Amino acid sequence: VVEGLESLPDGWEGTVASDSMVTLRRMLAPLSPWSGCPE
């Protein structure tokens, strides 16, 4: 996800599709933990 977002132009808006629920929650659910993911 991060590599993809870094390739996008400033202000890009759209949909990120993933088969990882953990990743999507980390992205967009404010209270989801990032434990185990490199800072």
PDB file of all heavy atoms in Angstrom:
ATOM      1  N   VAL A   1       0.835  -1.206   0.000  1.00  0.00           N
ATOM      2  CA  VAL A   1       0.000   0.000   0.000  1.00  0.00           C
ATOM      3  C   VAL A   1       0.868   1.255   0.000  1.00  0.00           C
ATOM      4  O   VAL A   1       0.635   2.197  -0.773  1.00  0.00           O
ATOM      5  CB  VAL A   1      -0.942   0.005   1.222  1.00  0.00           C
ATOM      6  CG1 VAL A   1      -1.621   1.359   1.373  1.00  0.00           C
ATOM      7  CG2 VAL A   1      -1.986  -1.093   1.085  1.00  0.00           C
ATOM      8  N   VAL A   2       1.866   1.292   0.858  1.00  0.00           N
ATOM      9  CA  VAL A   2       2.720   2.476   0.970  1.00  0.00           C
ATOM     10  C   VAL A   2       3.467   2.736  -0.336  1.00  0.00           C
ATOM     11  O   VAL A   2       3.535   3.881  -0.807  1.00  0.00           O
ATOM     12  CB  VAL A   2       3.711   2.311   2.141  1.00  0.00           C
ATOM     13  CG1 VAL A   2       4.763   3.410   2.112  1.00  0.00           C
ATOM     14  CG2 VAL A   2       2.967   2.344   3.465  1.00  0.00           C
ATOM     15  N   GLU A   3       4.019   1.690  -0.931  1.00  0.00           N
ATOM     16  CA  GLU A   3       4.714   1.867  -2.207  1.00  0.00           C
ATOM     17  C   GLU A   3       3.761   2.414  -3.259  1.00  0.00           C
ATOM     18  O   GLU A   3       4.128   3.283  -4.067  1.00  0.00           O
ATOM     19  CB  GLU A   3       5.307   0.533  -2.669  1.00  0.00           C
ATOM     20  CG  GLU A   3       6.453   0.008  -1.822  1.00  0.00           C
ATOM     21  CD  GLU A   3       7.764   0.727  -2.074  1.00  0.00           C
ATOM     22  OE1 GLU A   3       7.837   1.542  -3.021  1.00  0.00           O
ATOM     23  OE2 GLU A   3       8.735   0.459  -1.337  1.00  0.00           O
ATOM     24  N   GLY A   4       2.536   1.914  -3.266  1.00  0.00           N
ATOM     25  CA  GLY A   4       1.559   2.403  -4.222  1.00  0.00           C
ATOM     26  C   GLY A   4       1.189   3.856  -3.988  1.00  0.00           C
ATOM     27  O   GLY A   4       1.138   4.667  -4.922  1.00  0.00           O
ATOM     28  N   LEU A   5       0.930   4.212  -2.717  1.00  0.00           N
ATOM     29  CA  LEU A   5       0.563   5.587  -2.400  1.00  0.00           C
ATOM     30  C   LEU A   5       1.689   6.548  -2.744  1.00  0.00           C
ATOM     31  O   LEU A   5       1.444   7.671  -3.214  1.00  0.00           O
ATOM     32  CB  LEU A   5       0.210   5.709  -0.913  1.00  0.00           C
ATOM     33  CG  LEU A   5      -1.043   4.965  -0.441  1.00  0.00           C
ATOM     34  CD1 LEU A   5      -1.243   5.178   1.056  1.00  0.00           C
ATOM     35  CD2 LEU A   5      -2.286   5.399  -1.209  1.00  0.00           C
ATOM     36  N   GLU A   6       2.918   6.132  -2.528  1.00  0.00           N
ATOM     37  CA  GLU A   6       4.055   7.010  -2.817  1.00  0.00           C
ATOM     38  C   GLU A   6       4.211   7.275  -4.308  1.00  0.00           C
ATOM     39  O   GLU A   6       4.862   8.248  -4.697  1.00  0.00           O
ATOM     40  CB  GLU A   6       5.342   6.399  -2.256  1.00  0.00           C
ATOM     41  CG  GLU A   6       5.410   6.442  -0.728  1.00  0.00           C
ATOM     42  CD  GLU A   6       6.645   5.779  -0.160  1.00  0.00           C
ATOM     43  OE1 GLU A   6       7.304   5.010  -0.895  1.00  0.00           O
ATOM     44  OE2 GLU A   6       6.950   6.008   1.026  1.00  0.00           O
ATOM     45  N   SER A   7       3.607   6.442  -5.141  1.00  0.00           N
ATOM     46  CA  SER A   7       3.694   6.635  -6.593  1.00  0.00           C
ATOM     47  C   SER A   7       2.631   7.599  -7.122  1.00  0.00           C
ATOM     48  O   SER A   7       2.680   7.977  -8.295  1.00  0.00           O
ATOM     49  CB  SER A   7       3.538   5.288  -7.301  1.00  0.00           C
ATOM     50  OG  SER A   7       2.178   4.848  -7.300  1.00  0.00           O
ATOM     51  N   LEU A   8       1.689   7.999  -6.275  1.00  0.00           N
ATOM     52  CA  LEU A   8       0.543   8.784  -6.724  1.00  0.00           C
ATOM     53  C   LEU A   8       0.828  10.284  -6.684  1.00  0.00           C
ATOM     54  O   LEU A   8       1.629  10.754  -5.866  1.00  0.00           O
ATOM     55  CB  LEU A   8      -0.668   8.470  -5.843  1.00  0.00           C
ATOM     56  CG  LEU A   8      -1.111   7.009  -5.831  1.00  0.00           C
ATOM     57  CD1 LEU A   8      -2.204   6.793  -4.783  1.00  0.00           C
ATOM     58  CD2 LEU A   8      -1.605   6.587  -7.211  1.00  0.00           C
ATOM     59  N   PRO A   9       0.149  11.040  -7.535  1.00  0.00           N
ATOM     60  CA  PRO A   9       0.338  12.503  -7.526  1.00  0.00           C
ATOM     61  C   PRO A   9      -0.321  13.139  -6.307  1.00  0.00           C
ATOM     62  O   PRO A   9      -1.247  12.575  -5.712  1.00  0.00           O
ATOM     63  CB  PRO A   9      -0.350  12.945  -8.822  1.00  0.00           C
ATOM     64  CG  PRO A   9      -1.391  11.901  -9.075  1.00  0.00           C
ATOM     65  CD  PRO A   9      -0.784  10.608  -8.603  1.00  0.00           C
ATOM     66  N   ASP A  10       0.145  14.323  -5.939  1.00  0.00           N
ATOM     67  CA  ASP A  10      -0.442  15.056  -4.815  1.00  0.00           C
ATOM     68  C   ASP A  10      -1.945  15.234  -5.022  1.00  0.00           C
ATOM     69  O   ASP A  10      -2.405  15.525  -6.128  1.00  0.00           O
ATOM     70  CB  ASP A  10       0.211  16.430  -4.674  1.00  0.00           C
ATOM     71  CG  ASP A  10       1.651  16.355  -4.195  1.00  0.00           C
ATOM     72  OD1 ASP A  10       2.063  15.270  -3.747  1.00  0.00           O
ATOM     73  OD2 ASP A  10       2.356  17.379  -4.272  1.00  0.00           O
ATOM     74  N   GLY A  11      -2.696  15.058  -3.937  1.00  0.00           N
ATOM     75  CA  GLY A  11      -4.133  15.281  -3.992  1.00  0.00           C
ATOM     76  C   GLY A  11      -4.930  14.124  -4.557  1.00  0.00           C
ATOM     77  O   GLY A  11      -6.165  14.227  -4.655  1.00  0.00           O
ATOM     78  N   TRP A  12      -4.275  13.038  -4.916  1.00  0.00           N
ATOM     79  CA  TRP A  12      -4.993  11.892  -5.485  1.00  0.00           C
ATOM     80  C   TRP A  12      -6.078  11.423  -4.539  1.00  0.00           C
ATOM     81  O   TRP A  12      -5.871  11.301  -3.337  1.00  0.00           O
ATOM     82  CB  TRP A  12      -4.015  10.756  -5.751  1.00  0.00           C
ATOM     83  CG  TRP A  12      -4.574   9.537  -6.440  1.00  0.00           C
ATOM     84  CD1 TRP A  12      -4.623   9.308  -7.781  1.00  0.00           C
ATOM     85  CD2 TRP A  12      -5.130   8.359  -5.818  1.00  0.00           C
ATOM     86  NE1 TRP A  12      -5.177   8.064  -8.035  1.00  0.00           N
ATOM     87  CE2 TRP A  12      -5.498   7.460  -6.845  1.00  0.00           C
ATOM     88  CE3 TRP A  12      -5.357   7.983  -4.486  1.00  0.00           C
ATOM     89  CZ2 TRP A  12      -6.071   6.224  -6.604  1.00  0.00           C
ATOM     90  CZ3 TRP A  12      -5.943   6.746  -4.238  1.00  0.00           C
ATOM     91  CH2 TRP A  12      -6.284   5.888  -5.283  1.00  0.00           C
ATOM     92  N   GLU A  13      -7.250  11.131  -5.071  1.00  0.00           N
ATOM     93  CA  GLU A  13      -8.350  10.558  -4.306  1.00  0.00           C
ATOM     94  C   GLU A  13      -8.839   9.309  -5.023  1.00  0.00           C
ATOM     95  O   GLU A  13      -8.919   9.285  -6.246  1.00  0.00           O
ATOM     96  CB  GLU A  13      -9.509  11.548  -4.163  1.00  0.00           C
ATOM     97  CG  GLU A  13      -9.182  12.784  -3.337  1.00  0.00           C
ATOM     98  CD  GLU A  13     -10.403  13.643  -3.091  1.00  0.00           C
ATOM     99  OE1 GLU A  13     -11.470  13.337  -3.675  1.00  0.00           O
ATOM    100  OE2 GLU A  13     -10.313  14.602  -2.318  1.00  0.00           O
ATOM    101  N   GLY A  14      -9.149   8.279  -4.263  1.00  0.00           N
ATOM    102  CA  GLY A  14      -9.629   7.066  -4.903  1.00  0.00           C
ATOM    103  C   GLY A  14      -9.768   5.921  -3.929  1.00  0.00           C
ATOM    104  O   GLY A  14      -9.816   6.111  -2.712  1.00  0.00           O
ATOM    105  N   THR A  15      -9.825   4.720  -4.498  1.00  0.00           N
ATOM    106  CA  THR A  15     -10.065   3.504  -3.731  1.00  0.00           C
ATOM    107  C   THR A  15      -8.809   2.662  -3.661  1.00  0.00           C
ATOM    108  O   THR A  15      -8.141   2.454  -4.676  1.00  0.00           O
ATOM    109  CB  THR A  15     -11.187   2.680  -4.386  1.00  0.00           C
ATOM    110  OG1 THR A  15     -12.381   3.460  -4.432  1.00  0.00           O
ATOM    111  CG2 THR A  15     -11.452   1.401  -3.600  1.00  0.00           C
ATOM    112  N   VAL A  16      -8.494   2.186  -2.464  1.00  0.00           N
ATOM    113  CA  VAL A  16      -7.406   1.226  -2.264  1.00  0.00           C
ATOM    114  C   VAL A  16      -8.043  -0.136  -2.013  1.00  0.00           C
ATOM    115  O   VAL A  16      -8.822  -0.295  -1.063  1.00  0.00           O
ATOM    116  CB  VAL A  16      -6.509   1.623  -1.083  1.00  0.00           C
ATOM    117  CG1 VAL A  16      -5.419   0.568  -0.865  1.00  0.00           C
ATOM    118  CG2 VAL A  16      -5.885   2.993  -1.317  1.00  0.00           C
ATOM    119  N   ALA A  17      -7.740  -1.110  -2.870  1.00  0.00           N
ATOM    120  CA  ALA A  17      -8.307  -2.452  -2.739  1.00  0.00           C
ATOM    121  C   ALA A  17      -7.226  -3.416  -2.271  1.00  0.00           C
ATOM    122  O   ALA A  17      -6.136  -3.464  -2.845  1.00  0.00           O
ATOM    123  CB  ALA A  17      -8.886  -2.917  -4.077  1.00  0.00           C
ATOM    124  N   SER A  18      -7.542  -4.181  -1.248  1.00  0.00           N
ATOM    125  CA  SER A  18      -6.585  -5.127  -0.676  1.00  0.00           C
ATOM    126  C   SER A  18      -7.333  -6.361  -0.181  1.00  0.00           C
ATOM    127  O   SER A  18      -8.509  -6.277   0.182  1.00  0.00           O
ATOM    128  CB  SER A  18      -5.831  -4.470   0.496  1.00  0.00           C
ATOM    129  OG  SER A  18      -5.057  -5.410   1.219  1.00  0.00           O
ATOM    130  N   ASP A  19      -6.634  -7.498  -0.146  1.00  0.00           N
ATOM    131  CA  ASP A  19      -7.243  -8.694   0.442  1.00  0.00           C
ATOM    132  C   ASP A  19      -6.818  -8.865   1.900  1.00  0.00           C
ATOM    133  O   ASP A  19      -7.010  -9.927   2.484  1.00  0.00           O
ATOM    134  CB  ASP A  19      -6.921  -9.946  -0.377  1.00  0.00           C
ATOM    135  CG  ASP A  19      -5.426 -10.205  -0.515  1.00  0.00           C
ATOM    136  OD1 ASP A  19      -4.641  -9.650   0.263  1.00  0.00           O
ATOM    137  OD2 ASP A  19      -5.039 -10.971  -1.424  1.00  0.00           O
ATOM    138  N   SER A  20      -6.260  -7.807   2.496  1.00  0.00           N
ATOM    139  CA  SER A  20      -5.829  -7.833   3.892  1.00  0.00           C
ATOM    140  C   SER A  20      -6.698  -6.904   4.736  1.00  0.00           C
ATOM    141  O   SER A  20      -6.586  -5.677   4.652  1.00  0.00           O
ATOM    142  CB  SER A  20      -4.363  -7.406   4.010  1.00  0.00           C
ATOM    143  OG  SER A  20      -4.001  -7.208   5.361  1.00  0.00           O
ATOM    144  N   MET A  21      -7.568  -7.486   5.562  1.00  0.00           N
ATOM    145  CA  MET A  21      -8.403  -6.680   6.445  1.00  0.00           C
ATOM    146  C   MET A  21      -7.557  -5.915   7.457  1.00  0.00           C
ATOM    147  O   MET A  21      -7.857  -4.760   7.794  1.00  0.00           O
ATOM    148  CB  MET A  21      -9.426  -7.558   7.164  1.00  0.00           C
ATOM    149  CG  MET A  21     -10.390  -6.787   8.053  1.00  0.00           C
ATOM    150  SD  MET A  21     -11.615  -7.827   8.885  1.00  0.00           S
ATOM    151  CE  MET A  21     -12.554  -8.442   7.482  1.00  0.00           C
ATOM    152  N   VAL A  22      -6.489  -6.536   7.956  1.00  0.00           N
ATOM    153  CA  VAL A  22      -5.613  -5.869   8.918  1.00  0.00           C
ATOM    154  C   VAL A  22      -5.049  -4.588   8.326  1.00  0.00           C
ATOM    155  O   VAL A  22      -5.029  -3.531   8.975  1.00  0.00           O
ATOM    156  CB  VAL A  22      -4.470  -6.808   9.357  1.00  0.00           C
ATOM    157  CG1 VAL A  22      -3.418  -6.050  10.171  1.00  0.00           C
ATOM    158  CG2 VAL A  22      -5.013  -7.973  10.166  1.00  0.00           C
ATOM    159  N   THR A  23      -4.597  -4.661   7.084  1.00  0.00           N
ATOM    160  CA  THR A  23      -4.009  -3.487   6.429  1.00  0.00           C
ATOM    161  C   THR A  23      -5.029  -2.374   6.247  1.00  0.00           C
ATOM    162  O   THR A  23      -4.750  -1.200   6.520  1.00  0.00           O
ATOM    163  CB  THR A  23      -3.416  -3.897   5.067  1.00  0.00           C
ATOM    164  OG1 THR A  23      -2.363  -4.827   5.288  1.00  0.00           O
ATOM    165  CG2 THR A  23      -2.875  -2.687   4.323  1.00  0.00           C
ATOM    166  N   LEU A  24      -6.221  -2.722   5.780  1.00  0.00           N
ATOM    167  CA  LEU A  24      -7.247  -1.701   5.570  1.00  0.00           C
ATOM    168  C   LEU A  24      -7.654  -1.052   6.883  1.00  0.00           C
ATOM    169  O   LEU A  24      -7.884   0.171   6.948  1.00  0.00           O
ATOM    170  CB  LEU A  24      -8.457  -2.319   4.877  1.00  0.00           C
ATOM    171  CG  LEU A  24      -8.223  -2.753   3.423  1.00  0.00           C
ATOM    172  CD1 LEU A  24      -9.433  -3.513   2.890  1.00  0.00           C
ATOM    173  CD2 LEU A  24      -7.923  -1.544   2.530  1.00  0.00           C
ATOM    174  N   ARG A  25      -7.747  -1.822   7.944  1.00  0.00           N
ATOM    175  CA  ARG A  25      -8.090  -1.241   9.244  1.00  0.00           C
ATOM    176  C   ARG A  25      -6.977  -0.307   9.730  1.00  0.00           C
ATOM    177  O   ARG A  25      -7.258   0.759  10.286  1.00  0.00           O
ATOM    178  CB  ARG A  25      -8.344  -2.349  10.266  1.00  0.00           C
ATOM    179  CG  ARG A  25      -9.662  -3.090  10.054  1.00  0.00           C
ATOM    180  CD  ARG A  25      -9.985  -3.975  11.251  1.00  0.00           C
ATOM    181  NE  ARG A  25     -11.213  -4.727  11.074  1.00  0.00           N
ATOM    182  CZ  ARG A  25     -12.429  -4.230  11.278  1.00  0.00           C
ATOM    183  NH1 ARG A  25     -12.567  -2.976  11.664  1.00  0.00           N
ATOM    184  NH2 ARG A  25     -13.506  -4.988  11.097  1.00  0.00           N
ATOM    185  N   ARG A  26      -5.737  -0.700   9.540  1.00  0.00           N
ATOM    186  CA  ARG A  26      -4.641   0.170   9.940  1.00  0.00           C
ATOM    187  C   ARG A  26      -4.679   1.486   9.168  1.00  0.00           C
ATOM    188  O   ARG A  26      -4.387   2.549   9.716  1.00  0.00           O
ATOM    189  CB  ARG A  26      -3.297  -0.531   9.695  1.00  0.00           C
ATOM    190  CG  ARG A  26      -2.950  -1.571  10.745  1.00  0.00           C
ATOM    191  CD  ARG A  26      -1.693  -2.327  10.396  1.00  0.00           C
ATOM    192  NE  ARG A  26      -1.248  -3.145  11.518  1.00  0.00           N
ATOM    193  CZ  ARG A  26      -0.276  -4.048  11.445  1.00  0.00           C
ATOM    194  NH1 ARG A  26       0.348  -4.262  10.294  1.00  0.00           N
ATOM    195  NH2 ARG A  26       0.059  -4.736  12.521  1.00  0.00           N
ATOM    196  N   MET A  27      -5.058   1.405   7.918  1.00  0.00           N
ATOM    197  CA  MET A  27      -5.113   2.603   7.086  1.00  0.00           C
ATOM    198  C   MET A  27      -6.208   3.567   7.515  1.00  0.00           C
ATOM    199  O   MET A  27      -5.977   4.772   7.640  1.00  0.00           O
ATOM    200  CB  MET A  27      -5.367   2.218   5.621  1.00  0.00           C
ATOM    201  CG  MET A  27      -4.223   1.595   4.887  1.00  0.00           C
ATOM    202  SD  MET A  27      -4.786   1.086   3.238  1.00  0.00           S
ATOM    203  CE  MET A  27      -5.469   2.646   2.614  1.00  0.00           C
ATOM    204  N   LEU A  28      -7.404   3.024   7.717  1.00  0.00           N
ATOM    205  CA  LEU A  28      -8.579   3.879   7.755  1.00  0.00           C
ATOM    206  C   LEU A  28      -9.425   3.792   9.020  1.00  0.00           C
ATOM    207  O   LEU A  28     -10.381   4.551   9.162  1.00  0.00           O
ATOM    208  CB  LEU A  28      -9.456   3.577   6.533  1.00  0.00           C
ATOM    209  CG  LEU A  28      -8.758   3.779   5.176  1.00  0.00           C
ATOM    210  CD1 LEU A  28      -9.633   3.305   4.042  1.00  0.00           C
ATOM    211  CD2 LEU A  28      -8.382   5.246   4.992  1.00  0.00           C
ATOM    212  N   ALA A  29      -9.112   2.880   9.934  1.00  0.00           N
ATOM    213  CA  ALA A  29      -9.815   2.835  11.218  1.00  0.00           C
ATOM    214  C   ALA A  29      -8.899   3.439  12.278  1.00  0.00           C
ATOM    215  O   ALA A  29      -7.866   2.856  12.616  1.00  0.00           O
ATOM    216  CB  ALA A  29     -10.188   1.406  11.571  1.00  0.00           C
ATOM    217  N   PRO A  30      -9.210   4.618  12.793  1.00  0.00           N
ATOM    218  CA  PRO A  30      -8.291   5.375  13.646  1.00  0.00           C
ATOM    219  C   PRO A  30      -7.758   4.628  14.856  1.00  0.00           C
ATOM    220  O   PRO A  30      -6.629   4.870  15.276  1.00  0.00           O
ATOM    221  CB  PRO A  30      -9.132   6.588  14.077  1.00  0.00           C
ATOM    222  CG  PRO A  30     -10.161   6.732  13.012  1.00  0.00           C
ATOM    223  CD  PRO A  30     -10.468   5.339  12.557  1.00  0.00           C
ATOM    224  N   LEU A  31      -8.531   3.724  15.438  1.00  0.00           N
ATOM    225  CA  LEU A  31      -8.111   3.068  16.677  1.00  0.00           C
ATOM    226  C   LEU A  31      -7.450   1.712  16.445  1.00  0.00           C
ATOM    227  O   LEU A  31      -7.097   1.029  17.417  1.00  0.00           O
ATOM    228  CB  LEU A  31      -9.314   2.907  17.616  1.00  0.00           C
ATOM    229  CG  LEU A  31      -9.999   4.208  18.045  1.00  0.00           C
ATOM    230  CD1 LEU A  31     -11.155   3.910  18.987  1.00  0.00           C
ATOM    231  CD2 LEU A  31      -9.009   5.171  18.698  1.00  0.00           C
ATOM    232  N   SER A  32      -7.269   1.325  15.193  1.00  0.00           N
ATOM    233  CA  SER A  32      -6.665   0.022  14.933  1.00  0.00           C
ATOM    234  C   SER A  32      -5.182   0.035  15.293  1.00  0.00           C
ATOM    235  O   SER A  32      -4.459   0.986  14.977  1.00  0.00           O
ATOM    236  CB  SER A  32      -6.818  -0.352  13.458  1.00  0.00           C
ATOM    237  OG  SER A  32      -8.171  -0.597  13.157  1.00  0.00           O
ATOM    238  N   PRO A  33      -4.701  -1.012  15.962  1.00  0.00           N
ATOM    239  CA  PRO A  33      -3.294  -1.054  16.379  1.00  0.00           C
ATOM    240  C   PRO A  33      -2.349  -1.326  15.219  1.00  0.00           C
ATOM    241  O   PRO A  33      -2.709  -2.003  14.255  1.00  0.00           O
ATOM    242  CB  PRO A  33      -3.263  -2.199  17.390  1.00  0.00           C
ATOM    243  CG  PRO A  33      -4.362  -3.114  16.937  1.00  0.00           C
ATOM    244  CD  PRO A  33      -5.443  -2.201  16.417  1.00  0.00           C
ATOM    245  N   TRP A  34      -1.135  -0.802  15.319  1.00  0.00           N
ATOM    246  CA  TRP A  34      -0.076  -1.051  14.346  1.00  0.00           C
ATOM    247  C   TRP A  34       1.002  -1.945  14.946  1.00  0.00           C
ATOM    248  O   TRP A  34       2.124  -1.985  14.455  1.00  0.00           O
ATOM    249  CB  TRP A  34       0.536   0.268  13.883  1.00  0.00           C
ATOM    250  CG  TRP A  34      -0.300   1.045  12.923  1.00  0.00           C
ATOM    251  CD1 TRP A  34      -1.505   1.628  13.161  1.00  0.00           C
ATOM    252  CD2 TRP A  34       0.012   1.342  11.567  1.00  0.00           C
ATOM    253  NE1 TRP A  34      -1.964   2.272  12.038  1.00  0.00           N
ATOM    254  CE2 TRP A  34      -1.040   2.120  11.039  1.00  0.00           C
ATOM    255  CE3 TRP A  34       1.095   1.038  10.733  1.00  0.00           C
ATOM    256  CZ2 TRP A  34      -1.062   2.582   9.731  1.00  0.00           C
ATOM    257  CZ3 TRP A  34       1.088   1.508   9.428  1.00  0.00           C
ATOM    258  CH2 TRP A  34       0.016   2.266   8.932  1.00  0.00           C
ATOM    259  N   SER A  35       0.699  -2.656  16.006  1.00  0.00           N
ATOM    260  CA  SER A  35       1.696  -3.497  16.665  1.00  0.00           C
ATOM    261  C   SER A  35       2.240  -4.538  15.698  1.00  0.00           C
ATOM    262  O   SER A  35       1.497  -5.130  14.916  1.00  0.00           O
ATOM    263  CB  SER A  35       1.080  -4.197  17.882  1.00  0.00           C
ATOM    264  OG  SER A  35      -0.050  -4.962  17.505  1.00  0.00           O
ATOM    265  N   GLY A  36       3.558  -4.726  15.731  1.00  0.00           N
ATOM    266  CA  GLY A  36       4.205  -5.669  14.845  1.00  0.00           C
ATOM    267  C   GLY A  36       4.594  -5.096  13.504  1.00  0.00           C
ATOM    268  O   GLY A  36       5.275  -5.753  12.717  1.00  0.00           O
ATOM    269  N   CYS A  37       4.165  -3.863  13.213  1.00  0.00           N
ATOM    270  CA  CYS A  37       4.503  -3.219  11.946  1.00  0.00           C
ATOM    271  C   CYS A  37       5.642  -2.231  12.188  1.00  0.00           C
ATOM    272  O   CYS A  37       5.597  -1.448  13.142  1.00  0.00           O
ATOM    273  CB  CYS A  37       3.284  -2.487  11.384  1.00  0.00           C
ATOM    274  SG  CYS A  37       3.485  -1.927   9.681  1.00  0.00           S
ATOM    275  N   PRO A  38       6.693  -2.241  11.377  1.00  0.00           N
ATOM    276  CA  PRO A  38       7.817  -1.324  11.586  1.00  0.00           C
ATOM    277  C   PRO A  38       7.371   0.133  11.663  1.00  0.00           C
ATOM    278  O   PRO A  38       6.533   0.570  10.862  1.00  0.00           O
ATOM    279  CB  PRO A  38       8.703  -1.570  10.364  1.00  0.00           C
ATOM    280  CG  PRO A  38       8.363  -2.962   9.935  1.00  0.00           C
ATOM    281  CD  PRO A  38       6.907  -3.124  10.218  1.00  0.00           C
ATOM    282  N   GLU A  39       7.924   0.882  12.602  1.00  0.00           N
ATOM    283  CA  GLU A  39       7.542   2.272  12.785  1.00  0.00           C
ATOM    284  C   GLU A  39       7.809   3.097  11.530  1.00  0.00           C
ATOM    285  O   GLU A  39       7.033   3.986  11.189  1.00  0.00           O
ATOM    286  CB  GLU A  39       8.312   2.862  13.970  1.00  0.00           C
ATOM    287  CG  GLU A  39       7.977   4.316  14.272  1.00  0.00           C
ATOM    288  CD  GLU A  39       6.509   4.535  14.664  1.00  0.00           C
ATOM    289  OE1 GLU A  39       5.886   3.563  15.155  1.00  0.00           O
ATOM    290  OE2 GLU A  39       6.010   5.655  14.459  1.00  0.00           O
TER     291      GLU A  39
END
